[in-house]
C-alpha atoms as a PDB file:
ATOM      1  CA  GLN A   1       0.000   0.000   0.000  1.00  0.00           C
ATOM      2  CA  VAL A   2       1.371   3.371  -1.038  1.00  0.00           C
ATOM      3  CA  GLN A   3       1.164   6.174   1.503  1.00  0.00           C
ATOM      4  CA  LEU A   4       2.533   9.694   1.519  1.00  0.00           C
ATOM      5  CA  VAL A   5       2.563  11.796   4.682  1.00  0.00           C
ATOM      6  CA  GLU A   6       3.448  15.479   4.512  1.00  0.00           C
ATOM      7  CA  SER A   7       4.569  17.667   7.368  1.00  0.00           C
ATOM      8  CA  GLY A   8       6.408  20.894   8.014  1.00  0.00           C
ATOM      9  CA  GLY A   9       3.834  23.459   7.033  1.00  0.00           C
ATOM     10  CA  GLY A  10       2.892  26.398   9.176  1.00  0.00           C
ATOM     11  CA  LEU A  11       2.567  30.141   9.441  1.00  0.00           C
ATOM     12  CA  VAL A  12       5.579  32.187   8.436  1.00  0.00           C
ATOM     13  CA  GLN A  13       6.243  35.835   7.646  1.00  0.00           C
ATOM     14  CA  ALA A  14       7.110  36.937   4.149  1.00  0.00           C
ATOM     15  CA  GLY A  15      10.789  36.366   3.496  1.00  0.00           C
ATOM     16  CA  GLY A  16      10.902  33.394   5.817  1.00  0.00           C
ATOM     17  CA  SER A  17      11.653  29.747   5.154  1.00  0.00           C
ATOM     18  CA  LEU A  18      10.084  26.366   5.690  1.00  0.00           C
ATOM     19  CA  ARG A  19      11.068  22.813   4.897  1.00  0.00           C
ATOM     20  CA  LEU A  20       8.318  20.378   3.993  1.00  0.00           C
ATOM     21  CA  SER A  21       8.758  16.636   4.305  1.00  0.00           C
ATOM     22  CA  CYS A  22       6.971  13.860   2.445  1.00  0.00           C
ATOM     23  CA  VAL A  23       7.518  10.458   4.042  1.00  0.00           C
ATOM     24  CA  VAL A  24       6.730   7.749   1.509  1.00  0.00           C
ATOM     25  CA  SER A  25       5.899   4.112   2.104  1.00  0.00           C
ATOM     26  CA  GLY A  26       4.988   1.404  -0.357  1.00  0.00           C
ATOM     27  CA  VAL A  27       7.337   2.636  -3.086  1.00  0.00           C
ATOM     28  CA  THR A  28      11.036   3.411  -3.134  1.00  0.00           C
ATOM     29  CA  VAL A  29      11.492   7.120  -3.802  1.00  0.00           C
ATOM     30  CA  SER A  30      14.689   6.571  -5.768  1.00  0.00           C
ATOM     31  CA  LEU A  31      12.742   4.519  -8.330  1.00  0.00           C
ATOM     32  CA  TYR A  32       9.857   6.924  -8.935  1.00  0.00           C
ATOM     33  CA  ALA A  33       9.311  10.560  -9.777  1.00  0.00           C
ATOM     34  CA  ILE A  34       7.895  12.460  -6.816  1.00  0.00           C
ATOM     35  CA  GLY A  35       6.189  15.792  -7.170  1.00  0.00           C
ATOM     36  CA  TRP A  36       5.198  18.576  -4.809  1.00  0.00           C
ATOM     37  CA  TYR A  37       1.978  20.343  -5.733  1.00  0.00           C
ATOM     38  CA  ARG A  38       0.050  23.185  -4.176  1.00  0.00           C
ATOM     39  CA  GLN A  39      -3.480  24.453  -4.267  1.00  0.00           C
ATOM     40  CA  ALA A  40      -4.498  27.889  -3.119  1.00  0.00           C
ATOM     41  CA  PRO A  41      -8.130  28.779  -2.327  1.00  0.00           C
ATOM     42  CA  GLY A  42     -10.101  29.262  -5.515  1.00  0.00           C
ATOM     43  CA  LYS A  43      -7.226  28.154  -7.724  1.00  0.00           C
ATOM     44  CA  GLN A  44      -6.292  24.984  -9.546  1.00  0.00           C
ATOM     45  CA  ARG A  45      -3.671  22.680  -8.173  1.00  0.00           C
ATOM     46  CA  GLU A  46      -0.282  23.328  -9.708  1.00  0.00           C
ATOM     47  CA  LEU A  47       3.011  21.502  -9.851  1.00  0.00           C
ATOM     48  CA  VAL A  48       5.629  23.245  -7.737  1.00  0.00           C
ATOM     49  CA  ALA A  49       8.626  20.936  -8.060  1.00  0.00           C
ATOM     50  CA  ARG A  50       9.432  17.442  -9.188  1.00  0.00           C
ATOM     51  CA  ILE A  51      12.349  15.084  -8.759  1.00  0.00           C
ATOM     52  CA  SER A  52      12.772  12.217 -11.172  1.00  0.00           C
ATOM     53  CA  SER A  53      13.985   8.730 -10.357  1.00  0.00           C
ATOM     54  CA  GLY A  54      17.338   9.755 -11.797  1.00  0.00           C
ATOM     55  CA  GLY A  55      17.505  12.783  -9.534  1.00  0.00           C
ATOM     56  CA  SER A  56      16.842  15.509 -12.071  1.00  0.00           C
ATOM     57  CA  THR A  57      14.614  18.319 -10.875  1.00  0.00           C
ATOM     58  CA  ASN A  58      12.251  20.825 -12.380  1.00  0.00           C
ATOM     59  CA  TYR A  59      10.370  23.750 -10.901  1.00  0.00           C
ATOM     60  CA  ALA A  60       7.485  26.055 -11.599  1.00  0.00           C
ATOM     61  CA  ASP A  61       8.741  29.399 -12.850  1.00  0.00           C
ATOM     62  CA  SER A  62       7.195  31.120  -9.853  1.00  0.00           C
ATOM     63  CA  VAL A  63       9.450  29.258  -7.400  1.00  0.00           C
ATOM     64  CA  LYS A  64      12.701  28.900  -9.336  1.00  0.00           C
ATOM     65  CA  GLY A  65      15.634  30.101  -7.298  1.00  0.00           C
ATOM     66  CA  ARG A  66      13.622  30.047  -4.064  1.00  0.00           C
ATOM     67  CA  PHE A  67      12.522  26.419  -3.647  1.00  0.00           C
ATOM     68  CA  ALA A  68      14.605  23.252  -3.741  1.00  0.00           C
ATOM     69  CA  ILE A  69      13.402  19.672  -3.907  1.00  0.00           C
ATOM     70  CA  SER A  70      15.572  16.860  -2.614  1.00  0.00           C
ATOM     71  CA  ARG A  71      15.266  13.328  -1.326  1.00  0.00           C
ATOM     72  CA  ASP A  72      16.794  11.052   1.259  1.00  0.00           C
ATOM     73  CA  ASN A  73      16.845   7.518  -0.093  1.00  0.00           C
ATOM     74  CA  VAL A  74      17.614   6.027   3.311  1.00  0.00           C
ATOM     75  CA  LYS A  75      14.635   7.727   4.948  1.00  0.00           C
ATOM     76  CA  ASN A  76      12.524   7.283   1.802  1.00  0.00           C
ATOM     77  CA  THR A  77      11.555  10.921   2.173  1.00  0.00           C
ATOM     78  CA  VAL A  78      11.289  13.829  -0.253  1.00  0.00           C
ATOM     79  CA  TYR A  79      11.790  17.387   0.950  1.00  0.00           C
ATOM     80  CA  LEU A  80      10.826  20.806  -0.314  1.00  0.00           C
ATOM     81  CA  ARG A  81      12.950  23.612   1.006  1.00  0.00           C
ATOM     82  CA  MET A  82      11.177  26.937   0.572  1.00  0.00           C
ATOM     83  CA  ASN A  83      13.081  30.196   0.995  1.00  0.00           C
ATOM     84  CA  SER A  84      12.102  33.830   0.490  1.00  0.00           C
ATOM     85  CA  LEU A  85       8.473  32.933   0.940  1.00  0.00           C
ATOM     86  CA  LYS A  86       5.829  35.279  -0.423  1.00  0.00           C
ATOM     87  CA  PRO A  87       2.150  35.689   0.493  1.00  0.00           C
ATOM     88  CA  GLU A  88       1.275  34.183  -2.890  1.00  0.00           C
ATOM     89  CA  ASP A  89       2.956  30.940  -1.816  1.00  0.00           C
ATOM     90  CA  THR A  90       0.092  30.406   0.639  1.00  0.00           C
ATOM     91  CA  ALA A  91      -1.552  27.081  -0.211  1.00  0.00           C
ATOM     92  CA  ILE A  92      -1.993  23.477   0.775  1.00  0.00           C
ATOM     93  CA  TYR A  93       1.094  21.577  -0.335  1.00  0.00           C
ATOM     94  CA  SER A  94       0.829  17.905  -1.233  1.00  0.00           C
ATOM     95  CA  CYS A  95       3.210  15.314  -2.575  1.00  0.00           C
ATOM     96  CA  ASN A  96       2.376  12.863  -5.302  1.00  0.00           C
ATOM     97  CA  VAL A  97       3.642   9.671  -6.884  1.00  0.00           C
ATOM     98  CA  VAL A  98       2.266   7.764  -9.828  1.00  0.00           C
ATOM     99  CA  ARG A  99       2.620   4.015  -9.788  1.00  0.00           C
ATOM    100  CA  GLY A 100       1.142   2.223 -12.745  1.00  0.00           C
ATOM    101  CA  ALA A 101      -2.175   3.868 -13.514  1.00  0.00           C
ATOM    102  CA  THR A 102      -2.736   5.186 -10.005  1.00  0.00           C
ATOM    103  CA  ASN A 103      -2.019   8.627  -8.596  1.00  0.00           C
ATOM    104  CA  TYR A 104      -1.217   8.631  -4.903  1.00  0.00           C
ATOM    105  CA  TRP A 105      -1.519  11.775  -2.784  1.00  0.00           C
ATOM    106  CA  GLY A 106      -0.793  12.712   0.754  1.00  0.00           C
ATOM    107  CA  GLN A 107      -3.225  14.613   2.943  1.00  0.00           C
ATOM    108  CA  GLY A 108      -1.373  17.880   2.435  1.00  0.00           C
ATOM    109  CA  THR A 109       0.154  20.439   4.737  1.00  0.00           C
ATOM    110  CA  GLN A 110      -0.943  24.064   5.004  1.00  0.00           C
ATOM    111  CA  VAL A 111       1.550  26.820   4.332  1.00  0.00           C
ATOM    112  CA  THR A 112       0.474  30.345   5.182  1.00  0.00           C
ATOM    113  CA  VAL A 113       2.725  33.315   4.463  1.00  0.00           C
ATOM    114  CA  SER A 114       1.787  36.590   6.093  1.00  0.00           C
ATOM    115  CA  SER A 115       2.752  39.951   4.645  1.00  0.00           C
END
């Protein structure tokens, strides 16, 4: 059974930093692409960052240079380091993995950035 559990969200002032964690079970993170997504109120969910099985990364233009995705193969965990946070980064952040024809999502973690 595949499970993803996010943590690390919270309330932070603009310019601050947070590190989100996505603990994965049921799949080995080094063998799958893992993505971080976010959804703000009234907006569609969007891809924030993704790390491939080979370790290559890609980012939404809005977070390039501020966010960094990484993984710990021993802990089977994927991280999202978020620096220079802006009020527009406020959203629920969720991690995702696709295995076969199934999308798996965590429950999400709320990030709120105050101005």
